[in-house]
Amino acid sequence: MSNQLEQVERNPKLIEVQVDEEAIRQMYMEAIERRIEKLDKDMVYWDSNELKRRTCMSWNTILNNFFYEKEFPKIKVGGKWYFPAAETKQYLKRWLYGMK
């Protein structure tokens, strides 16, 4: 046993690992994107706070620019507005690309 230990100490075997940092970063970003997409699919409705967060707009900006448009999808339940997530995303893309 001591003989084997002496051999290992005299001839240590090194393991060298090379990591492609860019490949790891890309895999990480893809995993995050998949998770975000899954969360987006799970969300059926947005409330006004989520709409403000998603658009990076204040409530007044939303009201002044597209809230009152007939095509803008919205549902009022009690005193609170809800926005169907998929339809609202589609509308916002059309609205944004339609701006000049």
C-alpha atoms as a PDB file:
ATOM      1  CA  MET A   1       0.000   0.000   0.000  1.00  0.00           C
ATOM      2  CA  SER A   2       2.743   2.435   0.910  1.00  0.00           C
ATOM      3  CA  ASN A   3       4.493   1.565  -2.358  1.00  0.00           C
ATOM      4  CA  GLN A   4       1.417   2.602  -4.353  1.00  0.00           C
ATOM      5  CA  LEU A   5       1.173   5.853  -2.424  1.00  0.00           C
ATOM      6  CA  GLU A   6       4.803   6.658  -3.170  1.00  0.00           C
ATOM      7  CA  GLN A   7       4.210   6.004  -6.894  1.00  0.00           C
ATOM      8  CA  VAL A   8       1.222   8.361  -6.970  1.00  0.00           C
ATOM      9  CA  GLU A   9       3.181  11.077  -5.194  1.00  0.00           C
ATOM     10  CA  ARG A  10       6.111  10.754  -7.644  1.00  0.00           C
ATOM     11  CA  ASN A  11       3.933  10.624 -10.776  1.00  0.00           C
ATOM     12  CA  PRO A  12       0.853  12.701 -10.070  1.00  0.00           C
ATOM     13  CA  LYS A  13      -1.692  12.649 -12.851  1.00  0.00           C
ATOM     14  CA  LEU A  14      -3.229  15.997 -13.525  1.00  0.00           C
ATOM     15  CA  ILE A  15      -6.608  16.440 -15.041  1.00  0.00           C
ATOM     16  CA  GLU A  16      -6.988  19.483 -17.196  1.00  0.00           C
ATOM     17  CA  VAL A  17     -10.453  20.760 -17.986  1.00  0.00           C
ATOM     18  CA  GLN A  18     -11.098  23.375 -20.618  1.00  0.00           C
ATOM     19  CA  VAL A  19     -14.394  25.194 -20.633  1.00  0.00           C
ATOM     20  CA  ASP A  20     -15.834  27.159 -23.499  1.00  0.00           C
ATOM     21  CA  GLU A  21     -17.262  30.069 -21.521  1.00  0.00           C
ATOM     22  CA  GLU A  22     -19.213  31.403 -24.504  1.00  0.00           C
ATOM     23  CA  ALA A  23     -20.887  28.011 -25.059  1.00  0.00           C
ATOM     24  CA  ILE A  24     -21.828  27.818 -21.377  1.00  0.00           C
ATOM     25  CA  ARG A  25     -23.202  31.382 -21.480  1.00  0.00           C
ATOM     26  CA  GLN A  26     -25.248  30.510 -24.573  1.00  0.00           C
ATOM     27  CA  MET A  27     -26.662  27.363 -22.917  1.00  0.00           C
ATOM     28  CA  TYR A  28     -27.520  29.412 -19.825  1.00  0.00           C
ATOM     29  CA  MET A  29     -29.287  32.096 -21.877  1.00  0.00           C
ATOM     30  CA  GLU A  30     -31.263  29.465 -23.815  1.00  0.00           C
ATOM     31  CA  ALA A  31     -32.361  27.816 -20.563  1.00  0.00           C
ATOM     32  CA  ILE A  32     -33.520  31.171 -19.193  1.00  0.00           C
ATOM     33  CA  GLU A  33     -35.404  31.924 -22.425  1.00  0.00           C
ATOM     34  CA  ARG A  34     -37.183  28.533 -22.287  1.00  0.00           C
ATOM     35  CA  ARG A  35     -38.200  29.206 -18.682  1.00  0.00           C
ATOM     36  CA  ILE A  36     -39.502  32.687 -19.516  1.00  0.00           C
ATOM     37  CA  GLU A  37     -41.496  31.299 -22.445  1.00  0.00           C
ATOM     38  CA  LYS A  38     -43.021  28.662 -20.178  1.00  0.00           C
ATOM     39  CA  LEU A  39     -43.975  31.284 -17.608  1.00  0.00           C
ATOM     40  CA  ASP A  40     -45.496  33.438 -20.352  1.00  0.00           C
ATOM     41  CA  LYS A  41     -47.566  30.498 -21.582  1.00  0.00           C
ATOM     42  CA  ASP A  42     -48.800  29.839 -18.065  1.00  0.00           C
ATOM     43  CA  MET A  43     -50.035  33.424 -17.681  1.00  0.00           C
ATOM     44  CA  VAL A  44     -53.565  33.757 -19.070  1.00  0.00           C
ATOM     45  CA  TYR A  45     -54.341  37.343 -18.065  1.00  0.00           C
ATOM     46  CA  TRP A  46     -52.334  40.398 -17.158  1.00  0.00           C
ATOM     47  CA  ASP A  47     -53.573  43.013 -14.735  1.00  0.00           C
ATOM     48  CA  SER A  48     -52.776  46.713 -15.160  1.00  0.00           C
ATOM     49  CA  ASN A  49     -49.539  46.406 -13.176  1.00  0.00           C
ATOM     50  CA  GLU A  50     -48.336  43.587 -15.422  1.00  0.00           C
ATOM     51  CA  LEU A  51     -49.333  45.575 -18.520  1.00  0.00           C
ATOM     52  CA  LYS A  52     -47.307  48.558 -17.275  1.00  0.00           C
ATOM     53  CA  ARG A  53     -44.355  46.288 -16.511  1.00  0.00           C
ATOM     54  CA  ARG A  54     -44.488  44.520 -19.877  1.00  0.00           C
ATOM     55  CA  THR A  55     -44.725  47.743 -21.877  1.00  0.00           C
ATOM     56  CA  CYS A  56     -42.410  49.840 -19.673  1.00  0.00           C
ATOM     57  CA  MET A  57     -45.070  52.551 -19.845  1.00  0.00           C
ATOM     58  CA  SER A  58     -46.928  54.532 -17.223  1.00  0.00           C
ATOM     59  CA  TRP A  59     -50.667  54.083 -16.907  1.00  0.00           C
ATOM     60  CA  ASN A  60     -51.239  57.566 -18.375  1.00  0.00           C
ATOM     61  CA  THR A  61     -49.113  56.721 -21.423  1.00  0.00           C
ATOM     62  CA  ILE A  62     -51.116  53.523 -21.954  1.00  0.00           C
ATOM     63  CA  LEU A  63     -54.399  55.422 -21.614  1.00  0.00           C
ATOM     64  CA  ASN A  64     -53.279  58.164 -23.998  1.00  0.00           C
ATOM     65  CA  ASN A  65     -51.880  55.861 -26.684  1.00  0.00           C
ATOM     66  CA  PHE A  66     -53.926  52.682 -27.102  1.00  0.00           C
ATOM     67  CA  PHE A  67     -56.130  51.747 -24.140  1.00  0.00           C
ATOM     68  CA  TYR A  68     -59.286  53.216 -25.678  1.00  0.00           C
ATOM     69  CA  GLU A  69     -58.695  51.690 -29.111  1.00  0.00           C
ATOM     70  CA  LYS A  70     -61.560  49.365 -30.003  1.00  0.00           C
ATOM     71  CA  GLU A  71     -59.175  46.545 -30.987  1.00  0.00           C
ATOM     72  CA  PHE A  72     -57.208  46.661 -27.729  1.00  0.00           C
ATOM     73  CA  PRO A  73     -58.212  43.500 -25.778  1.00  0.00           C
ATOM     74  CA  LYS A  74     -59.450  44.233 -22.273  1.00  0.00           C
ATOM     75  CA  ILE A  75     -62.003  42.919 -19.818  1.00  0.00           C
ATOM     76  CA  LYS A  76     -63.266  44.693 -16.729  1.00  0.00           C
ATOM     77  CA  VAL A  77     -64.122  42.457 -13.791  1.00  0.00           C
ATOM     78  CA  GLY A  78     -65.594  44.435 -10.938  1.00  0.00           C
ATOM     79  CA  GLY A  79     -63.455  47.561 -10.817  1.00  0.00           C
ATOM     80  CA  LYS A  80     -60.306  45.964 -12.205  1.00  0.00           C
ATOM     81  CA  TRP A  81     -59.076  45.666 -15.796  1.00  0.00           C
ATOM     82  CA  TYR A  82     -57.631  42.421 -17.129  1.00  0.00           C
ATOM     83  CA  PHE A  83     -55.858  41.866 -20.417  1.00  0.00           C
ATOM     84  CA  PRO A  84     -55.718  38.454 -22.147  1.00  0.00           C
ATOM     85  CA  ALA A  85     -51.958  37.840 -22.295  1.00  0.00           C
ATOM     86  CA  ALA A  86     -51.573  36.290 -25.772  1.00  0.00           C
ATOM     87  CA  GLU A  87     -53.993  38.675 -27.498  1.00  0.00           C
ATOM     88  CA  THR A  88     -52.532  41.694 -25.726  1.00  0.00           C
ATOM     89  CA  LYS A  89     -48.996  40.749 -26.804  1.00  0.00           C
ATOM     90  CA  GLN A  90     -50.157  40.407 -30.409  1.00  0.00           C
ATOM     91  CA  TYR A  91     -51.963  43.759 -30.283  1.00  0.00           C
ATOM     92  CA  LEU A  92     -48.957  45.520 -28.746  1.00  0.00           C
ATOM     93  CA  LYS A  93     -46.632  44.198 -31.464  1.00  0.00           C
ATOM     94  CA  ARG A  94     -48.998  45.387 -34.202  1.00  0.00           C
ATOM     95  CA  TRP A  95     -49.440  48.740 -32.458  1.00  0.00           C
ATOM     96  CA  LEU A  96     -45.719  49.277 -31.979  1.00  0.00           C
ATOM     97  CA  TYR A  97     -44.782  48.280 -35.540  1.00  0.00           C
ATOM     98  CA  GLY A  98     -47.613  50.422 -36.896  1.00  0.00           C
ATOM     99  CA  MET A  99     -46.179  53.549 -35.266  1.00  0.00           C
ATOM    100  CA  LYS A 100     -44.096  55.749 -37.507  1.00  0.00           C
END
